[in-house]
Amino acid sequence: MARKTTRTRKPTMADQADKYELYLASVQEPSVEVAFFDRVFRKEYKRPPMLLREDFAGTAAVCYEWVQSKPDRKAIAVDLDPEPLTWGQEHLAPKLPEGKAKNVTILEQDVRKVNPKKADVLAAQNFSFYIFQTRKELLEYFKAARRNLAKEGVMVLDMVGGPEAMEEDREEKQRKKGFTYVWEQTTFNPIDHRAKFYISFRFRDGSELRRIFDYDWRLWMMPEVREALLEAGFSRADVYWEGTDRETGEGNGVYTRRERADSDDAWIAYIVAVK
């Protein structure tokens, strides 16, 4: 009788993919963030910022970009989850010029903890502070953030909003090199503004990293956040709104301080809170 052979399944593209590499290729542009932090701080204090604190840092990609952007710059990466922090130490830190990795301090802790070192810029990017579901939690975080800043310091937040951000069962796709990035909005409760979102990655061989990142957020409104920042003790909470490309009608990636803005169906903006 012939011996039965067992076929080994060929690994799919999803099997071989690294979710953090895909995230960096889809969501983050560390060099753009660093340039913006530098610009708004210089505008306020007429000097370059030197110490960055990145809350909800994940892989700390922005911190690693920060320390190589200017001599003697240092950064503090804060996150509760050890997995992305470790990934960054193993994959991003070795790519830095010699000696630069030691300028990044990794803190595995709650972002609401106050630390001795005070930053020039404290950043909470990728809408990460939306994890706080109540005003009490949000205010507690903003007060701690202010205490983690130097006497001359700014806190930089990004926000997403508009009617499209509140739609249920909405999927947006972007073709990237070698994969498709998928942003999925599943639920939104208009009573408490709680919403759930997911990120998936799809590959040309039909495989998928389905809902590999998930987010349970409160979609905070711009006035709520600005008022909470002022209550936390910040002197101002300026809005930086994206400009529009005249030819395409889409965002041009240039953010300027604004007092008024068009009512777009979907928008991303920065808030710069000045200590």
Protein backbone atom coordinates (compact mmCIF):
# COMPACT_ATOMS: atom_id res chain seq x y z
CA MET A 1 0.00 0.00 0.00
CA ALA A 2 1.34 3.40 -0.93
CA ARG A 3 2.39 5.61 1.92
CA LYS A 4 0.16 8.64 2.42
CA THR A 5 2.09 11.89 2.16
CA THR A 6 1.26 15.06 4.04
CA ARG A 7 1.57 18.27 2.12
CA THR A 8 3.02 21.24 3.94
CA ARG A 9 0.95 24.38 3.44
CA LYS A 10 2.90 27.13 1.78
CA PRO A 11 3.07 30.21 4.00
CA THR A 12 0.84 33.02 2.80
CA MET A 13 1.92 36.63 2.48
CA ALA A 14 -0.07 37.36 5.64
CA ASP A 15 1.84 34.62 7.48
CA GLN A 16 5.13 36.27 6.58
CA ALA A 17 4.08 39.87 7.21
CA ASP A 18 5.10 42.00 10.18
CA LYS A 19 2.13 44.00 11.45
CA TYR A 20 4.28 46.81 12.84
CA GLU A 21 6.16 47.28 9.58
CA LEU A 22 2.82 47.44 7.79
CA TYR A 23 1.49 49.96 10.30
CA LEU A 24 4.51 52.22 9.85
CA ALA A 25 4.13 52.02 6.08
CA SER A 26 0.43 52.90 6.26
CA VAL A 27 -0.23 55.21 9.18
CA GLN A 28 2.86 56.98 10.47
CA GLU A 29 5.19 59.53 8.90
CA PRO A 30 7.67 60.21 11.72
CA SER A 31 9.70 62.78 9.77
CA VAL A 32 6.56 64.82 9.07
CA GLU A 33 5.53 64.70 12.74
CA VAL A 34 8.99 65.76 13.92
CA ALA A 35 9.03 68.69 11.50
CA PHE A 36 5.62 69.86 12.73
CA PHE A 37 6.61 69.61 16.41
CA ASP A 38 9.75 71.60 15.68
CA ARG A 39 7.85 74.28 13.77
CA VAL A 40 5.12 74.96 16.34
CA PHE A 41 7.57 74.99 19.26
CA ARG A 42 9.93 77.41 17.47
CA LYS A 43 6.97 79.63 16.60
CA GLU A 44 6.11 79.91 20.29
CA TYR A 45 9.52 80.07 21.96
CA LYS A 46 11.96 81.14 19.19
CA ARG A 47 14.34 78.25 19.84
CA PRO A 48 14.56 74.57 18.84
CA PRO A 49 12.97 71.97 21.14
CA MET A 50 15.38 69.33 22.41
CA LEU A 51 13.43 66.83 24.53
CA LEU A 52 10.37 65.03 23.15
CA ARG A 53 8.00 62.89 25.18
CA GLU A 54 5.80 60.64 23.05
CA ASP A 55 2.78 59.28 24.92
CA PHE A 56 1.07 56.13 23.56
CA ALA A 57 4.37 55.69 21.73
CA GLY A 58 3.82 52.19 20.33
CA THR A 59 7.02 51.31 18.49
CA ALA A 60 8.48 54.73 19.40
CA ALA A 61 9.12 55.42 15.72
CA VAL A 62 8.67 59.16 16.24
CA CYS A 63 11.16 59.14 19.12
CA TYR A 64 13.78 57.38 17.03
CA GLU A 65 13.25 59.89 14.23
CA TRP A 66 13.48 62.76 16.73
CA VAL A 67 16.90 61.87 18.15
CA GLN A 68 18.52 61.71 14.73
CA SER A 69 16.91 64.92 13.47
CA LYS A 70 19.26 67.19 15.40
CA PRO A 71 22.43 66.73 17.48
CA ASP A 72 21.86 66.21 21.21
CA ARG A 73 18.12 65.69 20.92
CA LYS A 74 16.61 63.20 23.36
CA ALA A 75 13.25 61.47 23.59
CA ILE A 76 11.07 59.60 26.08
CA ALA A 77 8.71 56.91 24.75
CA VAL A 78 5.80 56.02 27.03
CA ASP A 79 3.41 53.11 26.49
CA LEU A 80 1.70 50.46 28.61
CA ASP A 81 2.14 47.70 26.02
CA PRO A 82 5.63 46.14 26.03
CA GLU A 83 5.22 44.39 22.67
CA PRO A 84 5.48 47.40 20.32
CA LEU A 85 8.11 49.06 22.51
CA THR A 86 10.26 45.93 22.29
CA TRP A 87 9.69 45.70 18.54
CA GLY A 88 10.96 49.24 18.14
CA GLN A 89 14.05 48.51 20.22
CA GLU A 90 14.80 45.46 18.09
CA HIS A 91 13.95 46.83 14.63
CA LEU A 92 14.22 50.64 14.69
CA ALA A 93 16.91 51.43 17.25
CA PRO A 94 19.62 49.44 15.38
CA LYS A 95 19.03 51.58 12.27
CA LEU A 96 20.03 54.78 14.07
CA PRO A 97 23.49 56.31 13.70
CA GLU A 98 25.95 55.00 16.26
CA GLY A 99 25.24 56.24 19.77
CA LYS A 100 21.80 57.70 19.02
CA ALA A 101 19.74 54.84 20.46
CA LYS A 102 20.86 55.68 23.99
CA ASN A 103 19.12 59.04 23.61
CA VAL A 104 15.72 57.32 23.65
CA THR A 105 14.37 56.40 27.09
CA ILE A 106 11.68 53.69 27.10
CA LEU A 107 9.05 53.84 29.85
CA GLU A 108 6.53 51.02 30.09
CA GLN A 109 3.88 52.81 32.15
CA ASP A 110 0.58 54.67 32.19
CA VAL A 111 0.79 58.00 30.36
CA ARG A 112 -0.86 59.68 33.37
CA LYS A 113 2.20 59.09 35.53
CA VAL A 114 4.28 62.20 36.15
CA ASN A 115 8.04 61.78 35.64
CA PRO A 116 11.03 63.90 36.74
CA LYS A 117 12.26 64.75 33.23
CA LYS A 118 10.22 67.55 31.70
CA ALA A 119 9.77 67.66 27.94
CA ASP A 120 9.78 70.59 25.54
CA VAL A 121 7.20 68.82 23.37
CA LEU A 122 4.72 66.20 24.55
CA ALA A 123 2.98 64.42 21.68
CA ALA A 124 -0.02 62.09 21.68
CA GLN A 125 -0.53 61.12 18.05
CA ASN A 126 -2.78 58.87 15.97
CA PHE A 127 -5.83 59.94 18.00
CA SER A 128 -4.51 57.87 20.89
CA PHE A 129 -6.05 59.97 23.66
CA TYR A 130 -9.50 58.93 22.32
CA ILE A 131 -9.01 55.85 24.49
CA PHE A 132 -10.26 57.93 27.43
CA GLN A 133 -14.03 57.52 27.59
CA THR A 134 -14.97 60.10 30.24
CA ARG A 135 -14.22 63.78 30.72
CA LYS A 136 -12.78 62.98 34.14
CA GLU A 137 -10.22 60.62 32.59
CA LEU A 138 -9.40 63.08 29.83
CA LEU A 139 -8.89 65.96 32.24
CA GLU A 140 -6.73 63.78 34.49
CA TYR A 141 -4.51 62.97 31.51
CA PHE A 142 -4.21 66.59 30.38
CA LYS A 143 -3.24 67.71 33.88
CA ALA A 144 -0.54 65.02 34.06
CA ALA A 145 0.67 65.94 30.57
CA ARG A 146 1.06 69.57 31.59
CA ARG A 147 3.10 68.51 34.62
CA ASN A 148 5.33 66.44 32.32
CA LEU A 149 6.21 69.55 30.31
CA ALA A 150 9.01 72.00 30.96
CA LYS A 151 8.22 75.62 31.84
CA GLU A 152 8.32 76.40 28.13
CA GLY A 153 6.49 73.53 26.50
CA VAL A 154 3.74 72.49 24.10
CA MET A 155 1.47 69.48 23.93
CA VAL A 156 0.56 68.31 20.43
CA LEU A 157 -2.55 66.23 19.77
CA ASP A 158 -4.12 65.14 16.52
CA MET A 159 -7.85 64.71 16.07
CA VAL A 160 -10.16 63.16 13.50
CA GLY A 161 -13.76 64.13 12.94
CA GLY A 162 -16.58 64.98 10.57
CA PRO A 163 -19.77 63.06 9.68
CA GLU A 164 -17.86 60.33 7.82
CA ALA A 165 -15.95 59.43 11.00
CA MET A 166 -19.27 58.60 12.65
CA GLU A 167 -20.63 56.32 9.94
CA GLU A 168 -21.15 52.65 10.78
CA ASP A 169 -20.10 49.76 8.55
CA ARG A 170 -17.74 51.98 6.58
CA GLU A 171 -14.56 50.66 4.99
CA GLU A 172 -11.76 52.70 3.43
CA LYS A 173 -8.94 51.11 1.44
CA GLN A 174 -5.56 52.40 0.34
CA ARG A 175 -3.26 50.54 -2.01
CA LYS A 176 0.30 50.38 -0.72
CA LYS A 177 3.42 48.72 -2.05
CA GLY A 178 2.74 45.00 -1.70
CA PHE A 179 -0.51 45.21 0.29
CA THR A 180 -3.78 47.05 0.85
CA TYR A 181 -4.42 49.01 4.03
CA VAL A 182 -8.01 48.77 5.28
CA TRP A 183 -9.60 51.13 7.82
CA GLU A 184 -12.91 49.82 9.11
CA GLN A 185 -15.53 51.68 11.12
CA THR A 186 -18.06 49.28 12.63
CA THR A 187 -20.14 50.98 15.32
CA PHE A 188 -20.92 54.48 16.57
CA ASN A 189 -23.19 55.44 19.45
CA PRO A 190 -24.40 59.06 19.09
CA ILE A 191 -25.40 59.19 22.76
CA ASP A 192 -21.89 58.73 24.19
CA HIS A 193 -19.82 59.01 20.96
CA ARG A 194 -18.25 55.61 21.57
CA ALA A 195 -17.03 53.98 18.39
CA LYS A 196 -15.09 50.94 17.26
CA PHE A 197 -12.50 50.84 14.50
CA TYR A 198 -10.17 48.22 13.04
CA ILE A 199 -7.12 48.04 10.79
CA SER A 200 -6.62 45.10 8.44
CA PHE A 201 -4.01 44.35 5.80
CA ARG A 202 -4.85 42.43 2.62
CA PHE A 203 -2.39 40.85 0.21
CA ARG A 204 -2.43 39.97 -3.47
CA ASP A 205 -2.42 36.22 -2.76
CA GLY A 206 -5.83 36.59 -1.07
CA SER A 207 -4.53 36.29 2.48
CA GLU A 208 -5.29 38.87 5.14
CA LEU A 209 -4.28 40.09 8.57
CA ARG A 210 -7.86 40.76 9.60
CA ARG A 211 -8.54 43.34 12.29
CA ILE A 212 -4.96 43.07 13.51
CA PHE A 213 -5.31 46.43 15.28
CA ASP A 214 -8.53 47.40 17.06
CA TYR A 215 -9.65 50.63 18.68
CA ASP A 216 -12.44 51.34 21.16
CA TRP A 217 -12.62 55.13 21.22
CA ARG A 218 -14.76 58.04 22.24
CA LEU A 219 -14.88 60.44 19.32
CA TRP A 220 -14.18 63.64 21.20
CA MET A 221 -15.34 66.94 19.71
CA MET A 222 -12.92 69.80 19.14
CA PRO A 223 -14.55 72.25 21.62
CA GLU A 224 -14.62 69.56 24.34
CA VAL A 225 -10.91 68.91 24.00
CA ARG A 226 -9.91 72.57 23.86
CA GLU A 227 -11.99 73.40 26.93
CA ALA A 228 -10.51 70.48 28.87
CA LEU A 229 -6.97 71.59 27.98
CA LEU A 230 -7.66 75.10 29.28
CA GLU A 231 -9.22 73.69 32.44
CA ALA A 232 -6.09 71.55 32.91
CA GLY A 233 -4.06 74.76 33.05
CA PHE A 234 -2.77 75.31 29.52
CA SER A 235 -2.70 78.96 28.48
CA ARG A 236 -3.96 78.31 24.93
CA ALA A 237 -5.20 75.47 22.77
CA ASP A 238 -4.59 76.44 19.15
CA VAL A 239 -6.08 74.55 16.20
CA TYR A 240 -3.93 73.79 13.15
CA TRP A 241 -6.15 72.97 10.17
CA GLU A 242 -5.09 71.35 6.91
CA GLY A 243 -5.06 73.43 3.75
CA THR A 244 -6.67 72.40 0.46
CA ASP A 245 -4.97 71.59 -2.83
CA ARG A 246 -6.52 73.86 -5.48
CA GLU A 247 -6.28 71.27 -8.24
CA THR A 248 -7.58 68.18 -6.42
CA GLY A 249 -9.74 69.71 -3.71
CA GLU A 250 -8.10 67.34 -1.25
CA GLY A 251 -5.94 68.11 1.79
CA ASN A 252 -2.45 69.36 0.94
CA GLY A 253 -0.71 68.22 4.13
CA VAL A 254 0.05 71.79 5.25
CA TYR A 255 -1.37 72.69 8.66
CA THR A 256 -1.76 76.31 9.74
CA ARG A 257 -3.28 77.95 12.78
CA ARG A 258 -6.93 78.72 12.16
CA GLU A 259 -9.90 80.25 13.98
CA ARG A 260 -12.47 79.10 11.41
CA ALA A 261 -12.66 76.14 9.04
CA ASP A 262 -15.00 74.65 6.44
CA SER A 263 -17.40 71.95 7.57
CA ASP A 264 -15.72 68.99 5.87
CA ASP A 265 -17.26 65.52 5.82
CA ALA A 266 -13.95 64.16 7.16
CA TRP A 267 -11.03 66.05 8.63
CA ILE A 268 -7.80 65.61 10.56
CA ALA A 269 -6.39 68.49 12.60
CA TYR A 270 -3.79 69.23 15.25
CA ILE A 271 -4.30 70.92 18.59
CA VAL A 272 -1.23 72.63 20.01
CA ALA A 273 -1.66 73.38 23.71
CA VAL A 274 0.78 75.97 25.03
CA LYS A 275 1.84 75.71 28.64
